[in-house]
Protein backbone atom coordinates (compact mmCIF):
# COMPACT_ATOMS: atom_id res chain seq x y z
CA MET A 1 54.78 45.55 -50.59
CA ASP A 2 58.30 44.69 -49.55
CA ILE A 3 59.16 41.12 -48.54
CA GLN A 4 60.72 42.38 -45.29
CA ILE A 5 57.49 44.14 -44.30
CA LEU A 6 55.48 40.99 -45.03
CA THR A 7 57.93 38.88 -43.04
CA THR A 8 57.70 41.23 -40.06
CA PHE A 9 53.90 41.20 -40.31
CA PHE A 10 53.79 37.39 -40.35
CA ILE A 11 56.24 37.14 -37.45
CA TRP A 12 54.04 39.35 -35.26
CA TRP A 13 50.86 37.67 -36.51
CA THR A 14 52.33 34.29 -35.60
CA ILE A 15 53.42 35.48 -32.16
CA ILE A 16 49.99 36.95 -31.36
CA ASN A 17 48.00 33.95 -32.62
CA GLY A 18 50.45 31.53 -30.99
CA GLY A 19 49.98 33.38 -27.70
CA ILE A 20 46.20 33.13 -28.02
CA TYR A 21 46.44 29.41 -28.76
CA LEU A 22 48.86 28.82 -25.88
CA PHE A 23 46.71 30.82 -23.44
CA TRP A 24 43.55 28.98 -24.52
CA THR A 25 45.22 25.57 -24.22
CA VAL A 26 46.77 26.27 -20.81
CA PHE A 27 43.50 27.72 -19.51
CA ILE A 28 41.57 24.63 -20.66
CA LEU A 29 44.18 22.30 -19.13
CA CYS A 30 44.52 24.15 -15.80
CA ALA A 31 40.92 25.18 -15.14
CA PRO A 32 38.55 22.95 -17.12
CA ASP A 33 35.80 23.10 -14.49
CA LEU A 34 35.87 26.90 -14.40
CA VAL A 35 35.60 27.11 -18.19
CA TYR A 36 32.79 24.56 -18.23
CA ASN A 37 30.84 26.32 -15.48
CA ILE A 38 31.13 29.71 -17.17
CA GLN A 39 30.14 28.38 -20.59
CA ASN A 40 27.37 26.23 -19.13
CA LYS A 41 25.57 29.39 -17.96
CA PHE A 42 25.33 30.56 -21.58
CA PHE A 43 25.05 27.23 -23.40
CA PRO A 44 23.79 24.34 -21.25
CA LEU A 45 25.54 21.25 -22.60
CA PRO A 46 26.52 17.90 -21.10
CA ARG A 47 30.15 17.76 -20.00
CA GLU A 48 31.10 15.15 -22.63
CA THR A 49 29.69 17.28 -25.45
CA PHE A 50 31.46 20.36 -24.11
CA ASN A 51 34.79 18.50 -23.97
CA ALA A 52 34.35 17.28 -27.54
CA ILE A 53 33.51 20.78 -28.79
CA ILE A 54 36.52 22.33 -27.05
CA TYR A 55 38.78 19.60 -28.45
CA VAL A 56 37.46 20.21 -31.98
CA PHE A 57 37.90 23.98 -31.68
CA LEU A 58 41.47 23.61 -30.40
CA GLY A 59 42.30 21.27 -33.27
CA LEU A 60 40.68 23.54 -35.84
CA PHE A 61 42.50 26.58 -34.46
CA LYS A 62 45.80 24.68 -34.63
CA ILE A 63 45.21 23.67 -38.26
CA ILE A 64 44.30 27.24 -39.21
CA PHE A 65 47.29 28.56 -37.24
CA VAL A 66 49.74 26.31 -39.05
CA THR A 67 48.15 26.87 -42.45
CA PHE A 68 47.79 30.64 -42.34
CA ASN A 69 50.59 31.66 -39.95
CA ILE A 70 53.45 29.18 -39.84
CA ALA A 71 53.51 28.02 -43.48
CA PRO A 72 53.49 31.53 -45.03
CA LEU A 73 56.08 32.71 -42.51
CA ILE A 74 58.41 29.84 -43.41
CA ALA A 75 57.87 30.54 -47.12
CA LEU A 76 58.68 34.23 -46.62
CA LEU A 77 61.78 33.42 -44.60
CA ILE A 78 63.00 31.06 -47.32
CA MET A 79 62.24 33.60 -50.04
CA GLY A 80 64.04 36.31 -48.08
CA ARG A 81 67.17 34.18 -47.91
CA LEU A 82 67.07 33.36 -51.62
CA LEU A 83 66.55 36.93 -52.85
């Protein structure tokens, strides 16, 4: 596989996953009661537990996003400049 194809793939992968993360974060910040009420119908949890779970999932998604999207993209961009 060509390094340019991999770089393009990682750019689009980063844009898509970054958009998902941004949408999720903005939705949680702007409408927390709506999200809680919808999720509470499926999984009845106390509000404090729900907030902790959402916070953990956002943090985990961010760590995975940086590890598997941003870091390889930066490495590919550096390698593309050196080759």
